[in-house]
Amino acid sequence: MSVIIKYTKPDIPNAVWTIRDILIVTFCVLACSILFYIILLAFFGDNKATFRIARYVGSLLMIFTPLVWVKRKYGLSKEILGLRKGNLSLPFYILLGIGAAVIYSLIIQLTPLRYGAAITGFKISYSYIDLILLPLSISGFASIVLTPVGEEIMDRGFTYGYLRRKLGVAQGLFLQALLFSLLHFDYIYGNAFSLITNRFLIGLILGILYEKTGSIYSSMICHSVINYLVIIFMVFIHK
């Protein structure tokens, strides 16, 4: 007995918001995140706890601000931001997201664009148990789970949703990937060209996953696994 999986092009929800909405929501998220971080610095100083709390709050703002905005202003549900089943099953989204993340991460490690290629004086130390349980730790949950969820809602569901309607699929995918790379610039992980190119490829992969499945669940999973693998590779590179 053979099983046939029929793939049909997903019907991605049509975004109704404007560039003004994008700018307002982005400004609110950034301004509130920065303000909260400054308040934490004033009361608790510059330490790991301050950074972690600020990161949690920033991620939660990325998750709920777009959701509340489209709900209150346009009366739309979370499905409009890609939080929907699409045309595939949840197990298939999980396999697709993990598969894309693993393939990308393994290939990128063979190129000059790999993470940690130009880091000097940087040390990460984890035991094998620490690595396995990392997504459940306080810091790991933020970077591996919460931040990818927030960024996919903001970047793919909200921003790409608008760019796709305004510019079309090809230009929308390119621009959202470029914005994703520019917003993730951090000199510690390598030179500017390698870093921007690496992040651009990630943004492009995540955008294509959403475009091909009609759901950001696959891009969330892929994003989370990529972040997880980045830490694992950096541990072994600098061990």
Protein backbone atom coordinates (compact mmCIF):
# COMPACT_ATOMS: atom_id res chain seq x y z
CA MET A 1 0.00 0.00 0.00
CA SER A 2 1.54 3.35 -1.04
CA VAL A 3 0.92 6.71 0.57
CA ILE A 4 0.67 9.72 -1.73
CA ILE A 5 1.28 13.17 -0.28
CA LYS A 6 -0.36 15.78 -2.45
CA TYR A 7 1.11 19.26 -2.23
CA THR A 8 -1.00 22.25 -3.17
CA LYS A 9 0.10 25.86 -3.23
CA PRO A 10 -0.89 27.47 0.07
CA ASP A 11 -3.34 30.33 0.22
CA ILE A 12 -1.32 32.86 2.24
CA PRO A 13 -3.51 35.47 3.98
CA ASN A 14 -3.50 38.88 2.31
CA ALA A 15 -2.07 41.54 4.61
CA VAL A 16 -4.23 44.65 4.92
CA TRP A 17 -1.93 46.80 7.04
CA THR A 18 0.26 49.60 5.72
CA ILE A 19 3.87 50.74 5.96
CA ARG A 20 2.69 53.16 8.65
CA ASP A 21 1.54 50.21 10.74
CA ILE A 22 4.92 48.51 10.23
CA LEU A 23 6.80 51.61 11.37
CA ILE A 24 4.58 52.22 14.39
CA VAL A 25 4.74 48.62 15.62
CA THR A 26 8.49 48.40 15.04
CA PHE A 27 9.07 51.69 16.84
CA CYS A 28 6.89 50.59 19.78
CA VAL A 29 8.78 47.31 20.13
CA LEU A 30 12.22 48.95 19.92
CA ALA A 31 11.35 51.94 22.12
CA CYS A 32 9.72 49.86 24.84
CA SER A 33 12.55 47.30 24.77
CA ILE A 34 15.24 49.99 25.07
CA LEU A 35 13.35 51.90 27.75
CA PHE A 36 12.81 48.76 29.82
CA TYR A 37 16.50 47.84 29.47
CA ILE A 38 17.56 51.31 30.64
CA ILE A 39 15.27 51.02 33.67
CA LEU A 40 16.75 47.62 34.51
CA LEU A 41 20.29 49.00 34.17
CA ALA A 42 19.44 51.87 36.53
CA PHE A 43 18.05 49.56 39.22
CA PHE A 44 20.12 46.37 38.87
CA GLY A 45 23.23 47.36 36.93
CA ASP A 46 24.86 45.76 33.91
CA ASN A 47 24.80 42.00 34.53
CA LYS A 48 23.53 38.74 33.02
CA ALA A 49 20.20 38.89 34.85
CA THR A 50 19.48 42.36 33.47
CA PHE A 51 20.29 41.26 29.92
CA ARG A 52 18.21 38.09 30.19
CA ILE A 53 15.15 39.84 31.58
CA ALA A 54 15.39 42.51 28.89
CA ARG A 55 15.67 39.83 26.22
CA TYR A 56 12.59 38.05 27.50
CA VAL A 57 10.60 41.28 27.50
CA GLY A 58 11.83 42.23 24.02
CA SER A 59 10.82 38.83 22.65
CA LEU A 60 7.39 39.02 24.26
CA LEU A 61 6.89 42.47 22.76
CA MET A 62 7.70 41.09 19.30
CA ILE A 63 5.12 38.35 19.83
CA PHE A 64 2.21 40.32 21.25
CA THR A 65 2.54 43.82 19.73
CA PRO A 66 1.75 42.75 16.12
CA LEU A 67 -0.97 40.37 17.34
CA VAL A 68 -2.67 43.06 19.41
CA TRP A 69 -2.23 45.66 16.66
CA VAL A 70 -3.94 43.68 13.88
CA LYS A 71 -6.63 42.55 16.31
CA ARG A 72 -7.49 45.98 17.71
CA LYS A 73 -7.10 48.02 14.52
CA TYR A 74 -8.33 45.58 11.88
CA GLY A 75 -10.28 42.99 13.88
CA LEU A 76 -8.09 40.18 12.51
CA SER A 77 -7.02 36.96 14.20
CA LYS A 78 -3.54 35.46 14.55
CA GLU A 79 -4.00 33.50 11.30
CA ILE A 80 -3.38 36.69 9.30
CA LEU A 81 0.20 36.68 10.63
CA GLY A 82 0.86 33.14 9.44
CA LEU A 83 -0.03 31.44 12.71
CA ARG A 84 -2.14 28.89 10.93
CA LYS A 85 -2.03 25.24 9.91
CA GLY A 86 -1.60 25.93 6.20
CA ASN A 87 -1.78 22.92 3.91
CA LEU A 88 0.55 20.55 5.78
CA SER A 89 0.41 18.61 9.04
CA LEU A 90 2.27 19.69 12.19
CA PRO A 91 4.70 16.71 12.10
CA PHE A 92 5.61 17.65 8.53
CA TYR A 93 6.27 21.27 9.61
CA ILE A 94 8.56 19.97 12.34
CA LEU A 95 10.48 17.71 9.96
CA LEU A 96 10.69 20.42 7.31
CA GLY A 97 11.93 23.04 9.77
CA ILE A 98 14.51 20.76 11.37
CA GLY A 99 15.66 19.41 8.01
CA ALA A 100 16.15 22.87 6.50
CA ALA A 101 18.02 24.08 9.60
CA VAL A 102 20.35 21.07 9.74
CA ILE A 103 21.15 21.16 6.01
CA TYR A 104 21.79 24.91 6.07
CA SER A 105 23.95 24.73 9.22
CA LEU A 106 26.08 21.84 7.96
CA ILE A 107 26.67 23.47 4.58
CA ILE A 108 27.45 26.89 6.06
CA GLN A 109 30.08 25.35 8.36
CA LEU A 110 32.05 24.37 5.26
CA THR A 111 32.22 27.96 4.00
CA PRO A 112 33.91 31.17 5.22
CA LEU A 113 30.42 32.31 6.28
CA ARG A 114 30.33 29.89 9.20
CA TYR A 115 29.61 31.20 12.67
CA GLY A 116 32.62 31.87 14.80
CA ALA A 117 34.97 32.03 11.80
CA ALA A 118 36.48 35.34 12.85
CA ILE A 119 35.93 35.36 16.60
CA THR A 120 38.98 35.95 18.72
CA GLY A 121 39.21 35.76 22.49
CA PHE A 122 35.74 34.21 22.67
CA LYS A 123 35.07 31.20 24.87
CA ILE A 124 31.96 29.11 25.45
CA SER A 125 31.94 26.15 27.80
CA TYR A 126 29.08 23.65 28.08
CA SER A 127 28.95 20.03 29.12
CA TYR A 128 27.01 17.57 26.96
CA ILE A 129 24.15 17.60 29.46
CA ASP A 130 24.13 21.41 29.39
CA LEU A 131 23.82 21.36 25.61
CA ILE A 132 20.96 18.86 25.66
CA LEU A 133 19.03 20.84 28.26
CA LEU A 134 19.97 24.25 26.86
CA PRO A 135 16.54 25.03 25.32
CA LEU A 136 15.02 24.56 28.80
CA SER A 137 17.51 26.81 30.58
CA ILE A 138 16.77 30.46 31.37
CA SER A 139 19.12 31.88 28.75
CA GLY A 140 18.65 29.08 26.23
CA PHE A 141 14.87 29.30 26.23
CA ALA A 142 15.06 32.97 25.27
CA SER A 143 17.49 32.52 22.36
CA ILE A 144 16.30 29.13 21.10
CA VAL A 145 12.54 29.37 21.64
CA LEU A 146 11.16 32.77 22.56
CA THR A 147 13.22 35.02 20.27
CA PRO A 148 12.63 32.91 17.10
CA VAL A 149 8.89 32.90 17.77
CA GLY A 150 8.85 36.69 18.21
CA GLU A 151 11.05 37.38 15.19
CA GLU A 152 9.02 35.12 12.91
CA ILE A 153 5.80 36.88 13.88
CA MET A 154 7.39 40.31 13.40
CA ASP A 155 9.64 39.64 10.40
CA ARG A 156 7.81 37.00 8.39
CA GLY A 157 4.19 37.29 9.51
CA PHE A 158 3.96 41.06 9.89
CA THR A 159 6.71 42.71 7.80
CA TYR A 160 6.93 40.17 4.96
CA GLY A 161 3.13 39.98 4.90
CA TYR A 162 3.06 43.65 3.92
CA LEU A 163 6.06 43.49 1.56
CA ARG A 164 4.57 40.48 -0.23
CA ARG A 165 1.34 42.31 -0.95
CA LYS A 166 3.06 45.56 -1.92
CA LEU A 167 6.05 44.30 -3.93
CA GLY A 168 5.25 40.70 -4.83
CA VAL A 169 6.80 37.44 -3.69
CA ALA A 170 10.30 37.74 -5.18
CA GLN A 171 11.00 41.33 -4.15
CA GLY A 172 9.25 40.82 -0.83
CA LEU A 173 11.40 37.80 0.02
CA PHE A 174 14.59 39.63 -0.94
CA LEU A 175 13.78 42.78 1.04
CA GLN A 176 12.62 40.98 4.19
CA ALA A 177 15.82 38.89 4.15
CA LEU A 178 17.92 42.03 3.72
CA LEU A 179 16.15 43.76 6.62
CA PHE A 180 16.59 40.64 8.74
CA SER A 181 20.33 40.60 8.06
CA LEU A 182 20.81 44.30 8.78
CA LEU A 183 18.87 44.11 12.04
CA HIS A 184 21.04 41.19 13.20
CA PHE A 185 24.43 42.80 12.71
CA ASP A 186 26.90 41.96 15.49
CA TYR A 187 30.61 42.46 14.81
CA ILE A 188 31.66 39.83 17.37
CA TYR A 189 30.61 36.98 15.09
CA GLY A 190 32.81 37.88 12.14
CA ASN A 191 33.40 40.49 9.46
CA ALA A 192 30.52 42.56 8.12
CA PHE A 193 30.25 40.85 4.73
CA SER A 194 30.20 37.32 6.16
CA LEU A 195 27.74 38.26 8.87
CA ILE A 196 25.27 40.11 6.65
CA THR A 197 25.44 37.40 3.97
CA ASN A 198 24.90 34.67 6.54
CA ARG A 199 21.88 36.40 8.10
CA PHE A 200 20.52 37.22 4.65
CA LEU A 201 20.57 33.54 3.69
CA ILE A 202 18.80 32.63 6.93
CA GLY A 203 16.14 35.28 6.33
CA LEU A 204 15.67 34.05 2.77
CA ILE A 205 15.27 30.43 3.88
CA LEU A 206 12.77 31.37 6.57
CA GLY A 207 10.79 33.51 4.13
CA ILE A 208 10.70 30.72 1.53
CA LEU A 209 9.48 28.24 4.16
CA TYR A 210 6.58 30.55 4.97
CA GLU A 211 5.86 31.16 1.30
CA LYS A 212 5.84 27.47 0.41
CA THR A 213 3.83 26.23 3.40
CA GLY A 214 1.51 29.15 4.13
CA SER A 215 2.43 28.95 7.81
CA ILE A 216 5.21 30.42 9.94
CA TYR A 217 5.29 27.33 12.14
CA SER A 218 7.90 25.75 9.86
CA SER A 219 10.02 28.92 9.85
CA MET A 220 9.74 29.17 13.66
CA ILE A 221 11.04 25.62 14.04
CA CYS A 222 13.81 26.19 11.49
CA HIS A 223 14.83 29.46 13.18
CA SER A 224 14.91 27.80 16.60
CA VAL A 225 17.02 24.86 15.40
CA ILE A 226 19.47 27.17 13.60
CA ASN A 227 19.95 29.19 16.81
CA TYR A 228 20.46 25.95 18.74
CA LEU A 229 22.98 24.62 16.24
CA VAL A 230 24.88 27.93 16.25
CA ILE A 231 25.61 27.46 19.95
CA ILE A 232 26.56 23.80 19.48
CA PHE A 233 28.97 24.58 16.63
CA MET A 234 30.53 27.46 18.55
CA VAL A 235 31.08 25.20 21.55
CA PHE A 236 32.96 22.66 19.46
CA ILE A 237 34.86 25.26 17.46
CA HIS A 238 36.22 26.93 20.59
CA LYS A 239 36.51 23.89 22.81
